[in-house]
């Protein structure tokens, strides 16, 4: 029997601003929740209204079963976001969130004839490129914890807390399965600008894989590399938001 996900739980807006000129929709990485973007809402100019996308199985949706198929997630999200696309908008996605955002843009374009002004793809290899490592979503507990330790995005205190990890790992497994079983289907490049972010010390996504996003837009393209590994957005938030603000404001002025 299929599970019915409540529509109102998918999108959060920490700081509503009806007068905003642009809506920025932010998609979390594997295991992450919408709250990672909550501070952004108070650190961007008034013309930008920040929305966090909340996948099931985490934070306030902890009791809901997580999804494992990206296509299913896109099919659910598209009609829920469509009413919010009545003004200029942009998408930001980090790691898994980048692929989700990309496929959602493609679906929104074909179904609703809507496309963002800009897509910010962060710490995410271009979708046509294969995964360089072996899948890890099926690994036993200790091995998967070691993989997370290598990613350097989870504090060691959490990794060593078995009770907490027993709660978090099912969601991480589901998200990793979604990411690792994703298959790109060739199609028309996006019509929006793509800005791709990467970490210079990221061992998961190489700079060439960030550059690969160039092939997926018929508009302009920019790469910006930050100091740090896969989770550079945690330490480089100020500069990241500055670039997002500059890019969106420039596109709005045209």
C-alpha atoms as a PDB file:
ATOM      1  CA  UNK A   1       0.000   0.000   0.000  1.00  0.00           C
ATOM      2  CA  UNK A   2       1.412   3.395  -0.979  1.00  0.00           C
ATOM      3  CA  UNK A   3       2.059   6.074   1.620  1.00  0.00           C
ATOM      4  CA  UNK A   4       0.278   9.418   1.289  1.00  0.00           C
ATOM      5  CA  UNK A   5       2.682  12.270   2.023  1.00  0.00           C
ATOM      6  CA  UNK A   6       1.050  15.465   3.379  1.00  0.00           C
ATOM      7  CA  UNK A   7       1.431  18.222   0.724  1.00  0.00           C
ATOM      8  CA  UNK A   8       2.009  21.061   3.201  1.00  0.00           C
ATOM      9  CA  UNK A   9       5.111  19.429   4.704  1.00  0.00           C
ATOM     10  CA  UNK A  10       7.364  19.633   1.645  1.00  0.00           C
ATOM     11  CA  UNK A  11       8.222  23.344   1.581  1.00  0.00           C
ATOM     12  CA  UNK A  12       9.332  25.612   4.413  1.00  0.00           C
ATOM     13  CA  UNK A  13       9.732  29.397   4.380  1.00  0.00           C
ATOM     14  CA  UNK A  14      11.548  30.576   7.528  1.00  0.00           C
ATOM     15  CA  UNK A  15      11.135  34.290   6.731  1.00  0.00           C
ATOM     16  CA  UNK A  16       8.103  34.981   4.507  1.00  0.00           C
ATOM     17  CA  UNK A  17       8.383  38.110   2.404  1.00  0.00           C
ATOM     18  CA  UNK A  18       5.430  38.709   0.054  1.00  0.00           C
ATOM     19  CA  UNK A  19       7.247  41.672  -1.520  1.00  0.00           C
ATOM     20  CA  UNK A  20      10.305  39.644  -2.579  1.00  0.00           C
ATOM     21  CA  UNK A  21      11.268  39.873  -6.239  1.00  0.00           C
ATOM     22  CA  UNK A  22      12.660  36.331  -6.379  1.00  0.00           C
ATOM     23  CA  UNK A  23      12.117  33.009  -4.632  1.00  0.00           C
ATOM     24  CA  UNK A  24      15.150  30.834  -3.955  1.00  0.00           C
ATOM     25  CA  UNK A  25      14.333  27.132  -3.520  1.00  0.00           C
ATOM     26  CA  UNK A  26      17.046  25.164  -1.710  1.00  0.00           C
ATOM     27  CA  UNK A  27      17.445  21.382  -1.889  1.00  0.00           C
ATOM     28  CA  UNK A  28      19.394  19.548   0.863  1.00  0.00           C
ATOM     29  CA  UNK A  29      22.163  16.990   0.508  1.00  0.00           C
ATOM     30  CA  UNK A  30      21.761  13.308   1.446  1.00  0.00           C
ATOM     31  CA  UNK A  31      20.592  12.990   5.035  1.00  0.00           C
ATOM     32  CA  UNK A  32      20.030  16.740   5.329  1.00  0.00           C
ATOM     33  CA  UNK A  33      16.852  18.628   6.118  1.00  0.00           C
ATOM     34  CA  UNK A  34      15.401  21.993   5.193  1.00  0.00           C
ATOM     35  CA  UNK A  35      16.688  23.549   8.422  1.00  0.00           C
ATOM     36  CA  UNK A  36      20.226  23.756   7.004  1.00  0.00           C
ATOM     37  CA  UNK A  37      18.971  26.626   4.849  1.00  0.00           C
ATOM     38  CA  UNK A  38      16.938  28.413   7.539  1.00  0.00           C
ATOM     39  CA  UNK A  39      19.762  30.868   8.427  1.00  0.00           C
ATOM     40  CA  UNK A  40      19.995  31.862   4.759  1.00  0.00           C
ATOM     41  CA  UNK A  41      16.555  33.446   4.921  1.00  0.00           C
ATOM     42  CA  UNK A  42      17.915  36.088   7.307  1.00  0.00           C
ATOM     43  CA  UNK A  43      21.243  36.616   5.509  1.00  0.00           C
ATOM     44  CA  UNK A  44      20.076  37.503   2.001  1.00  0.00           C
ATOM     45  CA  UNK A  45      18.638  40.843   0.843  1.00  0.00           C
ATOM     46  CA  UNK A  46      14.925  41.532   1.173  1.00  0.00           C
ATOM     47  CA  UNK A  47      14.336  40.968  -2.528  1.00  0.00           C
ATOM     48  CA  UNK A  48      15.099  37.235  -2.070  1.00  0.00           C
ATOM     49  CA  UNK A  49      12.682  34.892  -0.270  1.00  0.00           C
ATOM     50  CA  UNK A  50      14.256  31.579   0.761  1.00  0.00           C
ATOM     51  CA  UNK A  51      12.384  28.276   0.689  1.00  0.00           C
ATOM     52  CA  UNK A  52      13.803  25.006   2.024  1.00  0.00           C
ATOM     53  CA  UNK A  53      12.646  21.710   0.541  1.00  0.00           C
ATOM     54  CA  UNK A  54      11.906  19.113   3.210  1.00  0.00           C
ATOM     55  CA  UNK A  55      12.164  15.505   2.077  1.00  0.00           C
ATOM     56  CA  UNK A  56      10.288  12.870   4.133  1.00  0.00           C
ATOM     57  CA  UNK A  57      12.068  10.928   6.874  1.00  0.00           C
ATOM     58  CA  UNK A  58      13.891  13.792   8.639  1.00  0.00           C
ATOM     59  CA  UNK A  59      13.374  16.599  11.131  1.00  0.00           C
ATOM     60  CA  UNK A  60       9.632  17.326  11.406  1.00  0.00           C
ATOM     61  CA  UNK A  61       8.944  14.459   8.955  1.00  0.00           C
ATOM     62  CA  UNK A  62      10.905  11.846  10.890  1.00  0.00           C
ATOM     63  CA  UNK A  63       7.998   9.381  11.071  1.00  0.00           C
ATOM     64  CA  UNK A  64       7.448   9.341   7.305  1.00  0.00           C
ATOM     65  CA  UNK A  65       9.198   6.726   5.148  1.00  0.00           C
ATOM     66  CA  UNK A  66      11.995   8.213   3.011  1.00  0.00           C
ATOM     67  CA  UNK A  67      11.871   7.925  -0.757  1.00  0.00           C
ATOM     68  CA  UNK A  68      14.497   6.008  -2.728  1.00  0.00           C
ATOM     69  CA  UNK A  69      13.553   6.907  -6.317  1.00  0.00           C
ATOM     70  CA  UNK A  70      14.433  10.331  -7.656  1.00  0.00           C
ATOM     71  CA  UNK A  71      11.743  10.186 -10.325  1.00  0.00           C
ATOM     72  CA  UNK A  72       9.081   9.608  -7.676  1.00  0.00           C
ATOM     73  CA  UNK A  73      10.333  12.544  -5.631  1.00  0.00           C
ATOM     74  CA  UNK A  74      10.203  14.826  -8.677  1.00  0.00           C
ATOM     75  CA  UNK A  75       6.684  13.698  -9.575  1.00  0.00           C
ATOM     76  CA  UNK A  76       5.475  14.580  -6.072  1.00  0.00           C
ATOM     77  CA  UNK A  77       7.330  17.880  -5.769  1.00  0.00           C
ATOM     78  CA  UNK A  78       6.515  19.432  -9.146  1.00  0.00           C
ATOM     79  CA  UNK A  79       2.768  20.114  -8.613  1.00  0.00           C
ATOM     80  CA  UNK A  80       3.436  21.324  -5.065  1.00  0.00           C
ATOM     81  CA  UNK A  81       5.994  23.905  -6.218  1.00  0.00           C
ATOM     82  CA  UNK A  82       4.130  24.983  -9.356  1.00  0.00           C
ATOM     83  CA  UNK A  83       1.833  27.488  -7.527  1.00  0.00           C
ATOM     84  CA  UNK A  84       4.923  29.159  -6.019  1.00  0.00           C
ATOM     85  CA  UNK A  85       6.498  29.804  -9.417  1.00  0.00           C
ATOM     86  CA  UNK A  86       4.345  32.835 -10.197  1.00  0.00           C
ATOM     87  CA  UNK A  87       7.356  35.150  -9.921  1.00  0.00           C
ATOM     88  CA  UNK A  88      11.049  34.850 -10.837  1.00  0.00           C
ATOM     89  CA  UNK A  89      12.779  32.000  -9.014  1.00  0.00           C
ATOM     90  CA  UNK A  90      16.094  30.191  -8.679  1.00  0.00           C
ATOM     91  CA  UNK A  91      17.111  26.706  -7.522  1.00  0.00           C
ATOM     92  CA  UNK A  92      20.062  25.791  -5.293  1.00  0.00           C
ATOM     93  CA  UNK A  93      20.975  22.161  -4.687  1.00  0.00           C
ATOM     94  CA  UNK A  94      23.927  20.684  -2.820  1.00  0.00           C
ATOM     95  CA  UNK A  95      25.211  17.198  -3.715  1.00  0.00           C
ATOM     96  CA  UNK A  96      22.102  14.961  -4.008  1.00  0.00           C
ATOM     97  CA  UNK A  97      20.064  18.164  -3.876  1.00  0.00           C
ATOM     98  CA  UNK A  98      21.745  19.319  -7.082  1.00  0.00           C
ATOM     99  CA  UNK A  99      20.574  16.293  -9.052  1.00  0.00           C
ATOM    100  CA  UNK A 100      17.079  16.549  -7.566  1.00  0.00           C
ATOM    101  CA  UNK A 101      16.896  20.243  -8.494  1.00  0.00           C
ATOM    102  CA  UNK A 102      18.167  19.557 -12.022  1.00  0.00           C
ATOM    103  CA  UNK A 103      15.617  16.836 -12.738  1.00  0.00           C
ATOM    104  CA  UNK A 104      12.859  18.938 -11.196  1.00  0.00           C
ATOM    105  CA  UNK A 105      13.751  21.841 -13.509  1.00  0.00           C
ATOM    106  CA  UNK A 106      13.494  19.518 -16.500  1.00  0.00           C
ATOM    107  CA  UNK A 107      10.105  18.268 -15.337  1.00  0.00           C
ATOM    108  CA  UNK A 108       8.773  21.764 -14.594  1.00  0.00           C
ATOM    109  CA  UNK A 109       9.877  22.920 -18.030  1.00  0.00           C
ATOM    110  CA  UNK A 110       8.124  20.087 -19.871  1.00  0.00           C
ATOM    111  CA  UNK A 111       4.981  20.042 -17.728  1.00  0.00           C
ATOM    112  CA  UNK A 112       4.455  23.658 -16.645  1.00  0.00           C
ATOM    113  CA  UNK A 113       6.619  25.614 -19.098  1.00  0.00           C
ATOM    114  CA  UNK A 114       8.450  27.229 -16.159  1.00  0.00           C
ATOM    115  CA  UNK A 115      12.204  27.477 -15.669  1.00  0.00           C
ATOM    116  CA  UNK A 116      14.327  29.318 -13.099  1.00  0.00           C
ATOM    117  CA  UNK A 117      16.427  32.370 -13.832  1.00  0.00           C
ATOM    118  CA  UNK A 118      19.414  30.507 -12.449  1.00  0.00           C
ATOM    119  CA  UNK A 119      20.330  27.053 -11.199  1.00  0.00           C
ATOM    120  CA  UNK A 120      23.079  26.811  -8.572  1.00  0.00           C
ATOM    121  CA  UNK A 121      24.585  23.296  -8.665  1.00  0.00           C
ATOM    122  CA  UNK A 122      26.746  22.800  -5.586  1.00  0.00           C
ATOM    123  CA  UNK A 123      29.196  19.936  -4.846  1.00  0.00           C
ATOM    124  CA  UNK A 124      27.467  17.849  -7.486  1.00  0.00           C
ATOM    125  CA  UNK A 125      28.965  16.177 -10.520  1.00  0.00           C
ATOM    126  CA  UNK A 126      27.322  16.888 -13.872  1.00  0.00           C
ATOM    127  CA  UNK A 127      24.464  14.409 -14.390  1.00  0.00           C
ATOM    128  CA  UNK A 128      25.833  12.773 -17.535  1.00  0.00           C
ATOM    129  CA  UNK A 129      29.016  11.695 -15.746  1.00  0.00           C
ATOM    130  CA  UNK A 130      29.158   8.249 -14.100  1.00  0.00           C
ATOM    131  CA  UNK A 131      29.724   7.673 -10.406  1.00  0.00           C
ATOM    132  CA  UNK A 132      33.442   7.007  -9.928  1.00  0.00           C
ATOM    133  CA  UNK A 133      33.113   4.953  -6.751  1.00  0.00           C
ATOM    134  CA  UNK A 134      31.159   1.814  -5.911  1.00  0.00           C
ATOM    135  CA  UNK A 135      27.674   2.250  -4.391  1.00  0.00           C
ATOM    136  CA  UNK A 136      27.644   2.385  -0.585  1.00  0.00           C
ATOM    137  CA  UNK A 137      23.952   2.469   0.343  1.00  0.00           C
ATOM    138  CA  UNK A 138      23.896  -1.305   0.931  1.00  0.00           C
ATOM    139  CA  UNK A 139      26.953  -1.423   3.223  1.00  0.00           C
ATOM    140  CA  UNK A 140      26.690  -2.735   6.810  1.00  0.00           C
ATOM    141  CA  UNK A 141      26.519  -0.299   9.721  1.00  0.00           C
ATOM    142  CA  UNK A 142      30.227   0.086  10.519  1.00  0.00           C
ATOM    143  CA  UNK A 143      31.288   0.374   6.884  1.00  0.00           C
ATOM    144  CA  UNK A 144      28.673   3.020   6.119  1.00  0.00           C
ATOM    145  CA  UNK A 145      29.698   5.028   9.179  1.00  0.00           C
ATOM    146  CA  UNK A 146      33.285   4.977   7.898  1.00  0.00           C
ATOM    147  CA  UNK A 147      32.105   6.258   4.517  1.00  0.00           C
ATOM    148  CA  UNK A 148      30.326   9.136   6.253  1.00  0.00           C
ATOM    149  CA  UNK A 149      33.487   9.847   8.227  1.00  0.00           C
ATOM    150  CA  UNK A 150      35.427  10.123   4.950  1.00  0.00           C
ATOM    151  CA  UNK A 151      32.871  12.630   3.628  1.00  0.00           C
ATOM    152  CA  UNK A 152      33.747  14.869   6.620  1.00  0.00           C
ATOM    153  CA  UNK A 153      30.256  16.307   6.867  1.00  0.00           C
ATOM    154  CA  UNK A 154      29.071  14.596  10.067  1.00  0.00           C
ATOM    155  CA  UNK A 155      30.597  15.469  13.460  1.00  0.00           C
ATOM    156  CA  UNK A 156      32.543  12.609  15.043  1.00  0.00           C
ATOM    157  CA  UNK A 157      30.397  12.827  18.189  1.00  0.00           C
ATOM    158  CA  UNK A 158      27.339  11.945  16.108  1.00  0.00           C
ATOM    159  CA  UNK A 159      29.109   9.142  14.244  1.00  0.00           C
ATOM    160  CA  UNK A 160      30.047   7.543  17.569  1.00  0.00           C
ATOM    161  CA  UNK A 161      26.519   7.834  18.974  1.00  0.00           C
ATOM    162  CA  UNK A 162      24.959   4.511  17.953  1.00  0.00           C
ATOM    163  CA  UNK A 163      21.490   5.398  19.185  1.00  0.00           C
ATOM    164  CA  UNK A 164      21.477   8.546  17.063  1.00  0.00           C
ATOM    165  CA  UNK A 165      23.034   6.816  14.056  1.00  0.00           C
ATOM    166  CA  UNK A 166      20.389   4.082  14.220  1.00  0.00           C
ATOM    167  CA  UNK A 167      17.889   6.893  13.718  1.00  0.00           C
ATOM    168  CA  UNK A 168      19.793   8.660  10.928  1.00  0.00           C
ATOM    169  CA  UNK A 169      21.162   5.789   8.854  1.00  0.00           C
ATOM    170  CA  UNK A 170      17.860   4.617   7.291  1.00  0.00           C
ATOM    171  CA  UNK A 171      17.374   8.097   5.809  1.00  0.00           C
ATOM    172  CA  UNK A 172      20.987   8.261   4.653  1.00  0.00           C
ATOM    173  CA  UNK A 173      20.705   4.840   3.051  1.00  0.00           C
ATOM    174  CA  UNK A 174      17.536   5.883   1.226  1.00  0.00           C
ATOM    175  CA  UNK A 175      19.098   9.133   0.003  1.00  0.00           C
ATOM    176  CA  UNK A 176      22.291   7.405  -1.090  1.00  0.00           C
ATOM    177  CA  UNK A 177      20.280   4.777  -2.937  1.00  0.00           C
ATOM    178  CA  UNK A 178      18.407   7.567  -4.722  1.00  0.00           C
ATOM    179  CA  UNK A 179      21.702   9.192  -5.681  1.00  0.00           C
ATOM    180  CA  UNK A 180      23.567   6.017  -6.619  1.00  0.00           C
ATOM    181  CA  UNK A 181      20.765   4.506  -8.746  1.00  0.00           C
ATOM    182  CA  UNK A 182      20.037   7.722 -10.651  1.00  0.00           C
ATOM    183  CA  UNK A 183      20.483   7.429 -14.424  1.00  0.00           C
ATOM    184  CA  UNK A 184      20.653  10.480 -16.655  1.00  0.00           C
ATOM    185  CA  UNK A 185      18.476  10.594 -19.755  1.00  0.00           C
ATOM    186  CA  UNK A 186      19.771  12.858 -22.560  1.00  0.00           C
ATOM    187  CA  UNK A 187      17.615  15.865 -23.378  1.00  0.00           C
ATOM    188  CA  UNK A 188      17.554  19.527 -24.346  1.00  0.00           C
ATOM    189  CA  UNK A 189      19.953  21.677 -22.273  1.00  0.00           C
ATOM    190  CA  UNK A 190      18.395  24.017 -19.735  1.00  0.00           C
ATOM    191  CA  UNK A 191      17.560  27.545 -20.879  1.00  0.00           C
ATOM    192  CA  UNK A 192      18.632  29.103 -17.572  1.00  0.00           C
ATOM    193  CA  UNK A 193      22.069  30.201 -16.379  1.00  0.00           C
ATOM    194  CA  UNK A 194      23.980  27.575 -14.392  1.00  0.00           C
ATOM    195  CA  UNK A 195      26.439  28.505 -11.653  1.00  0.00           C
ATOM    196  CA  UNK A 196      28.371  25.469 -10.409  1.00  0.00           C
ATOM    197  CA  UNK A 197      30.112  25.457  -7.010  1.00  0.00           C
ATOM    198  CA  UNK A 198      32.806  23.038  -5.902  1.00  0.00           C
ATOM    199  CA  UNK A 199      35.278  22.420  -3.095  1.00  0.00           C
ATOM    200  CA  UNK A 200      38.958  22.353  -3.990  1.00  0.00           C
ATOM    201  CA  UNK A 201      39.614  19.565  -1.463  1.00  0.00           C
ATOM    202  CA  UNK A 202      36.443  17.602  -2.276  1.00  0.00           C
ATOM    203  CA  UNK A 203      37.374  13.941  -2.812  1.00  0.00           C
ATOM    204  CA  UNK A 204      33.822  13.004  -3.824  1.00  0.00           C
ATOM    205  CA  UNK A 205      33.391  15.479  -6.703  1.00  0.00           C
ATOM    206  CA  UNK A 206      36.352  16.645  -8.782  1.00  0.00           C
ATOM    207  CA  UNK A 207      36.662  20.062 -10.404  1.00  0.00           C
ATOM    208  CA  UNK A 208      36.321  18.531 -13.885  1.00  0.00           C
ATOM    209  CA  UNK A 209      32.992  17.027 -12.822  1.00  0.00           C
ATOM    210  CA  UNK A 210      31.840  20.473 -11.686  1.00  0.00           C
ATOM    211  CA  UNK A 211      32.929  21.919 -15.039  1.00  0.00           C
ATOM    212  CA  UNK A 212      30.813  19.269 -16.740  1.00  0.00           C
ATOM    213  CA  UNK A 213      27.664  21.248 -15.931  1.00  0.00           C
ATOM    214  CA  UNK A 214      28.629  23.544 -18.810  1.00  0.00           C
ATOM    215  CA  UNK A 215      27.092  21.019 -21.203  1.00  0.00           C
ATOM    216  CA  UNK A 216      23.672  21.310 -19.576  1.00  0.00           C
ATOM    217  CA  UNK A 217      22.760  24.895 -20.345  1.00  0.00           C
ATOM    218  CA  UNK A 218      22.122  26.862 -23.512  1.00  0.00           C
ATOM    219  CA  UNK A 219      22.530  30.011 -21.403  1.00  0.00           C
ATOM    220  CA  UNK A 220      25.689  31.283 -19.692  1.00  0.00           C
ATOM    221  CA  UNK A 221      27.786  29.279 -17.250  1.00  0.00           C
ATOM    222  CA  UNK A 222      30.090  30.007 -14.317  1.00  0.00           C
ATOM    223  CA  UNK A 223      32.222  27.851 -12.011  1.00  0.00           C
ATOM    224  CA  UNK A 224      33.271  28.988  -8.558  1.00  0.00           C
ATOM    225  CA  UNK A 225      35.590  26.842  -6.432  1.00  0.00           C
ATOM    226  CA  UNK A 226      35.823  27.224  -2.655  1.00  0.00           C
ATOM    227  CA  UNK A 227      38.373  26.100  -0.098  1.00  0.00           C
ATOM    228  CA  UNK A 228      37.164  22.966   1.645  1.00  0.00           C
ATOM    229  CA  UNK A 229      35.826  19.509   1.008  1.00  0.00           C
ATOM    230  CA  UNK A 230      32.413  18.207   0.052  1.00  0.00           C
ATOM    231  CA  UNK A 231      30.622  20.300   2.673  1.00  0.00           C
ATOM    232  CA  UNK A 232      32.283  23.640   1.972  1.00  0.00           C
ATOM    233  CA  UNK A 233      28.879  25.352   2.257  1.00  0.00           C
ATOM    234  CA  UNK A 234      29.172  25.020   6.033  1.00  0.00           C
ATOM    235  CA  UNK A 235      32.288  27.211   6.240  1.00  0.00           C
ATOM    236  CA  UNK A 236      31.894  29.352   3.125  1.00  0.00           C
ATOM    237  CA  UNK A 237      28.278  30.405   3.617  1.00  0.00           C
ATOM    238  CA  UNK A 238      28.924  34.150   3.536  1.00  0.00           C
ATOM    239  CA  UNK A 239      30.779  34.108   0.210  1.00  0.00           C
ATOM    240  CA  UNK A 240      28.341  31.549  -1.219  1.00  0.00           C
ATOM    241  CA  UNK A 241      25.340  33.761  -0.403  1.00  0.00           C
ATOM    242  CA  UNK A 242      27.139  36.807  -1.750  1.00  0.00           C
ATOM    243  CA  UNK A 243      27.570  35.108  -5.131  1.00  0.00           C
ATOM    244  CA  UNK A 244      23.968  33.861  -5.146  1.00  0.00           C
ATOM    245  CA  UNK A 245      22.763  37.377  -4.361  1.00  0.00           C
ATOM    246  CA  UNK A 246      24.942  38.973  -7.053  1.00  0.00           C
ATOM    247  CA  UNK A 247      23.894  36.457  -9.680  1.00  0.00           C
ATOM    248  CA  UNK A 248      20.158  36.635  -8.990  1.00  0.00           C
ATOM    249  CA  UNK A 249      20.082  40.428  -8.708  1.00  0.00           C
ATOM    250  CA  UNK A 250      21.974  40.772 -11.994  1.00  0.00           C
ATOM    251  CA  UNK A 251      19.540  38.452 -13.774  1.00  0.00           C
ATOM    252  CA  UNK A 252      16.546  40.269 -12.279  1.00  0.00           C
ATOM    253  CA  UNK A 253      17.846  43.596 -13.594  1.00  0.00           C
ATOM    254  CA  UNK A 254      17.986  42.403 -17.218  1.00  0.00           C
END
